[in-house]
Amino acid sequence: MEFEKLQAIIGEVLGKDPDEICAESRLKEDLGADSLEVFQIVMGMEDVYDVTLEEEVVYRVKRVQDLYQLVVGQK
């Protein structure tokens, strides 16, 4: 359930079908996200999951699974 929320956030920001976004998808290489879009994804995650993510940690993230682990670690 939680992962599906993340897929929806990423899909909305990047204009992609959430079903095409898997845990192993690389944000930049596979999904084509630029730094502004990554920032928008993080803002969406903070709103939906009611967490605060540290900027320096987020920008080291490479894959969707890494973002998900950040959220799971906050709960």
Protein backbone atom coordinates (compact mmCIF):
# COMPACT_ATOMS: atom_id res chain seq x y z
CA MET A 1 0.00 0.00 0.00
CA GLU A 2 2.69 2.50 0.97
CA PHE A 3 4.80 1.69 -2.09
CA GLU A 4 1.79 2.31 -4.35
CA LYS A 5 1.49 5.82 -2.88
CA LEU A 6 5.11 6.47 -3.77
CA GLN A 7 4.56 5.15 -7.29
CA ALA A 8 1.60 7.53 -7.65
CA ILE A 9 3.64 10.53 -6.48
CA ILE A 10 6.49 9.75 -8.86
CA GLY A 11 4.09 9.06 -11.71
CA GLU A 12 2.30 12.36 -11.20
CA VAL A 13 5.50 14.41 -11.09
CA LEU A 14 7.10 12.66 -14.05
CA GLY A 15 3.95 12.13 -16.12
CA LYS A 16 4.39 8.36 -16.11
CA ASP A 17 2.05 5.45 -15.48
CA PRO A 18 2.65 4.38 -11.85
CA ASP A 19 2.56 0.74 -12.94
CA GLU A 20 5.73 1.38 -14.99
CA ILE A 21 7.62 2.46 -11.86
CA CYS A 22 9.27 -0.38 -9.97
CA ALA A 23 11.46 -0.52 -6.90
CA GLU A 24 14.62 -0.96 -8.97
CA SER A 25 13.87 1.98 -11.30
CA ARG A 26 16.67 4.55 -11.24
CA LEU A 27 15.24 8.04 -10.85
CA LYS A 28 17.46 9.80 -13.37
CA GLU A 29 18.60 7.08 -15.76
CA ASP A 30 15.40 5.01 -16.04
CA LEU A 31 12.68 7.54 -15.23
CA GLY A 32 14.36 10.68 -16.59
CA ALA A 33 13.93 12.76 -13.44
CA ASP A 34 15.95 15.96 -13.17
CA SER A 35 16.91 17.59 -9.87
CA LEU A 36 13.80 19.80 -9.79
CA GLU A 37 11.55 16.79 -10.32
CA VAL A 38 13.35 14.87 -7.57
CA PHE A 39 12.69 17.85 -5.29
CA GLN A 40 8.99 17.79 -6.26
CA ILE A 41 8.82 14.05 -5.55
CA VAL A 42 10.37 14.61 -2.12
CA MET A 43 7.91 17.40 -1.32
CA GLY A 44 5.04 15.12 -2.33
CA MET A 45 6.43 12.33 -0.16
CA GLU A 46 6.71 14.63 2.83
CA ASP A 47 3.08 15.70 2.42
CA VAL A 48 1.61 12.24 1.82
CA TYR A 49 3.68 10.34 4.38
CA ASP A 50 3.83 13.20 6.94
CA VAL A 51 7.62 12.96 7.28
CA THR A 52 10.56 15.31 6.92
CA LEU A 53 13.41 14.06 4.77
CA GLU A 54 16.90 15.49 5.05
CA GLU A 55 17.96 17.10 1.79
CA GLU A 56 21.53 15.81 1.77
CA VAL A 57 20.30 12.23 2.20
CA VAL A 58 17.63 12.50 -0.48
CA TYR A 59 20.00 13.74 -3.17
CA ARG A 60 22.22 10.67 -2.73
CA VAL A 61 19.26 8.42 -3.55
CA LYS A 62 19.46 6.62 -6.88
CA ARG A 63 16.51 4.21 -7.01
CA VAL A 64 12.82 4.29 -6.13
CA GLN A 65 13.46 1.63 -3.47
CA ASP A 66 15.94 3.98 -1.76
CA LEU A 67 13.24 6.66 -1.49
CA TYR A 68 10.82 4.12 -0.10
CA GLN A 69 13.35 3.02 2.53
CA LEU A 70 13.73 6.65 3.63
CA VAL A 71 9.99 6.84 4.27
CA VAL A 72 9.79 3.46 6.00
CA GLY A 73 12.71 4.49 8.22
CA GLN A 74 10.83 7.64 9.28
CA LYS A 75 7.72 5.76 10.48
